């Protein structure tokens, strides 16, 4: 038999360096070597120092385990203990917490990184865009990358070289070119990026990292956490929005995720099912971190959260970091010279080849000719100008002057910005509230109407189904081949009960096997009942308990009778053992030895001599 040999790790193995590669938001890479006990905060600081980034609380490092499940790297734990993949390690630097108001970001560098993340979200379909918003966001990207339109340098179809959306149509490209040539002319790259962020943060899917789930009916839903609260998207609707103040508890058990909160002063419990327990745990951790970051006023208010109410069961987790209000306060105190922003040229995402066949994630409303864009037929664009300030921010030398200009130019407020959906012709978005008679201010009515719609929960966000594509580090939310339903890849993660029942009813061989299995289970249950002992009366139960107690007492007494003589023999022997010697020196043992043991030994010897004389004789 081969014996296992256990040994402690040697010093060279502890000092072994591990190579880590972190992929940045522009698809460039940064590499470094770490030790086995290096914590995740070191990697995050290394990347932030590479950028010379100070507003680093919005960002995190994401990795994928061998089961294709994404995770956020915990800064307080060693990297090696979290990574389950083989060396060298590959991770991604991404935005973890999206700022609720991008205008409050202090440094241009931070806004640029947030712009890169938002551009990725648009490209991968995570940011749902109605047609008018998609055209404006695309035009902002082109203006930031190319600058002003130049007829000599830019050919007629120059937008086709930009892959901005999972699928681009000629109508969308024409609209982007129209806005780029006219509306955005004269904007610098920084101002174009800020315009994109200001428009994107008004969308309902801004900052949503979609988690594919199934509801209690088996229908596909995408869960997300934003600065406003917990959201659920199903089809082309946002069916739930629970603000963080109304979310009481997030918990999970196995593959089931629970959200317990209040809606219209009534208790609400939402239940969802994930594909794997690891996906459910990741969803729960993301919810706990987002709730702590956006809800708490101070980091000292953050508490350790348990995944279950049962004692000694479930996971315990606590978000370690600053909250949103503290981050904004710290940003306002930055006094250094703004760092130089090194903007990379337009680079195509490495994962576009796997996404080109996906359906377009936006509302494809008809495009009107450019000469008719100021007519009454273009109601969607006119409504867009009224609600979300289509005109770009005017470039200003003083950055402080641009902030009031943006705030006064936008007609929406903070409370209604993320809730508002841009109305467009042919889209399923909601209409703007009309002015009441008697000179009532329409701007004062809009927050009330939007608040009522927020409480109602359901909100149509587009004519198209929300079905985000897979990112470069995959979360299994693929469409699965561009089908019309858009649930091919997601449905493959789950075994739908309805589909399984239909298959069982359709296959006669499976039905025969089920009947045979059912008969075997009935026979085994009958045999188990037959072998079960009949129930005894109360008197018989008490008698059995008394017998058990008597057996225990007899066993204890026999053990005592066996151990006591053995102890006496050891104490009176000549064995030189430390603890026996200590017992012999005690006064109690001396008294027992002279008063009881010696007389009893003499008496036994006398009785033994008398017995031997009687047997042997003289």
Foldseek 3Di string as FASTA:
>chain_A
DDDDDDDDDDPVLQADWFKEWEQELQRDIDIDIDGQFQFQLVVLVVVCVVLVHDLSPQKFKWAAAPVLDIFTGDRVGGPNVVHPDDPPHYIYIAGLADDLQVLLFQFLQVLVSVLSRVQQCQAQQLQFAALVLLLLLLLLVCCLQPNADDPVVADPQNSVVDRRYLEDDPLSSVSNVVCRHPQCHPDYNSLSSNLNVLQSSLALSVPFPWAWWAFPQRAIWTWGAHLQGIWIAGFQKTQFGDGLVFFDDWADDWQKTWTWGDFPNDIDITIIGHLGSVSRVRVRVSRLQSSQQNPDQFLVPWDWHFRDPDPPDGDIDTDDDTHNNVSSVVSVPDDDDHDDHDDDHDDDDPCSVVSNLADTSYADDDRDDPVCCPPVVFVLVVQCCVAANSRGQDDDPDPVVSVVVNVVRHLDDSLNSNQAARDGPPWQFDDQDDDDPDPDDSSVVRSVVSVVVNSSRIGRRTPGTSQGDARPSGDQRHLQRHDPVSCVRVCVSDDRPVVVVVVCVVDVVSVVVVVVVVVVVVVVVVVVVVPDDDDDDPVVVVVVVVVVVVVVVVVVVVVCVVVVVVVVVVLPDPDDDDVSVVVCPDPVNVCCCVPPVVVVVVVVVVVVVVVVCVVPPD
